[in-house]
Amino acid sequence: MTRDDIIRMARHAGMFKLFNDPNAPDALIGESIEQFANLVAKHEREACAKVCECFNSEPVSHATVAAEIRKRGDEK
């Protein structure tokens, strides 16, 4: 994950105050922090899934492992 990825996700989550944005809310709230954490987790799960797709191990297929990693994000 790059610095730009993190900044993009923080902005998407509403954490503009960290970046001196004049249109930012007055304070960071738990909701924006939680949304940011969820975005980071989703990004990391996808990165793991992509790595798993590169392997073809037995007895579990790489597609099965990748699908299981991605599914973890849907369990909330």
Protein backbone atom coordinates (compact mmCIF):
# COMPACT_ATOMS: atom_id res chain seq x y z
CA MET A 1 0.00 0.00 0.00
CA THR A 2 1.42 3.34 -0.99
CA ARG A 3 1.29 6.67 0.83
CA ASP A 4 -1.11 7.92 -1.84
CA ASP A 5 -3.40 4.92 -1.24
CA ILE A 6 -3.56 5.74 2.46
CA ILE A 7 -4.25 9.43 1.85
CA ARG A 8 -6.95 8.58 -0.70
CA MET A 9 -8.66 6.20 1.73
CA ALA A 10 -8.42 8.69 4.61
CA ARG A 11 -10.00 11.39 2.48
CA HIS A 12 -12.70 8.98 1.34
CA ALA A 13 -13.42 8.14 4.99
CA GLY A 14 -13.85 11.80 5.90
CA MET A 15 -10.60 12.29 7.80
CA PHE A 16 -9.80 15.57 6.03
CA LYS A 17 -8.72 17.33 9.24
CA LEU A 18 -5.46 15.40 9.08
CA PHE A 19 -4.67 17.16 5.81
CA ASN A 20 -5.64 20.73 6.74
CA ASP A 21 -8.59 20.72 4.36
CA PRO A 22 -10.65 23.91 4.90
CA ASN A 23 -13.83 21.95 4.13
CA ALA A 24 -13.12 19.40 6.83
CA PRO A 25 -15.48 18.68 9.69
CA ASP A 26 -14.52 20.17 13.05
CA ALA A 27 -13.32 16.91 14.52
CA LEU A 28 -12.46 13.39 13.64
CA ILE A 29 -15.23 11.10 14.76
CA GLY A 30 -15.25 7.40 15.42
CA GLU A 31 -17.30 6.76 12.30
CA SER A 32 -14.68 8.21 9.96
CA ILE A 33 -11.89 6.33 11.72
CA GLU A 34 -13.85 3.08 11.50
CA GLN A 35 -14.59 3.65 7.81
CA PHE A 36 -10.89 4.32 7.18
CA ALA A 37 -9.93 1.10 8.97
CA ASN A 38 -12.46 -0.84 6.90
CA LEU A 39 -11.06 0.61 3.66
CA VAL A 40 -7.52 -0.34 4.66
CA ALA A 41 -8.61 -3.86 5.62
CA LYS A 42 -10.43 -4.30 2.30
CA HIS A 43 -7.35 -3.12 0.41
CA GLU A 44 -5.12 -5.54 2.30
CA ARG A 45 -7.49 -8.50 1.83
CA GLU A 46 -7.49 -7.85 -1.90
CA ALA A 47 -3.70 -7.67 -1.94
CA CYS A 48 -3.52 -11.04 -0.14
CA ALA A 49 -6.04 -12.56 -2.52
CA LYS A 50 -4.01 -11.44 -5.52
CA VAL A 51 -0.91 -13.07 -4.06
CA CYS A 52 -2.79 -16.33 -3.49
CA GLU A 53 -3.93 -16.35 -7.09
CA CYS A 54 -0.29 -16.64 -8.13
CA PHE A 55 0.10 -20.05 -6.49
CA ASN A 56 -1.30 -23.40 -7.52
CA SER A 57 -0.91 -25.59 -4.46
CA GLU A 58 -2.49 -28.94 -3.67
CA PRO A 59 -4.91 -30.00 -2.28
CA VAL A 60 -6.47 -26.51 -2.08
CA SER A 61 -6.60 -24.51 -5.28
CA HIS A 62 -5.31 -20.95 -5.42
CA ALA A 63 -8.76 -19.74 -6.44
CA THR A 64 -10.28 -21.29 -3.32
CA VAL A 65 -7.73 -19.61 -1.05
CA ALA A 66 -8.24 -16.24 -2.77
CA ALA A 67 -12.03 -16.56 -2.49
CA GLU A 68 -11.77 -17.35 1.22
CA ILE A 69 -9.62 -14.27 1.89
CA ARG A 70 -12.07 -12.05 0.03
CA LYS A 71 -15.05 -13.61 1.80
CA ARG A 72 -13.64 -12.60 5.19
CA GLY A 73 -14.55 -8.99 4.41
CA ASP A 74 -18.18 -9.91 3.82
CA GLU A 75 -18.65 -11.48 7.26
CA LYS A 76 -19.39 -8.19 9.04
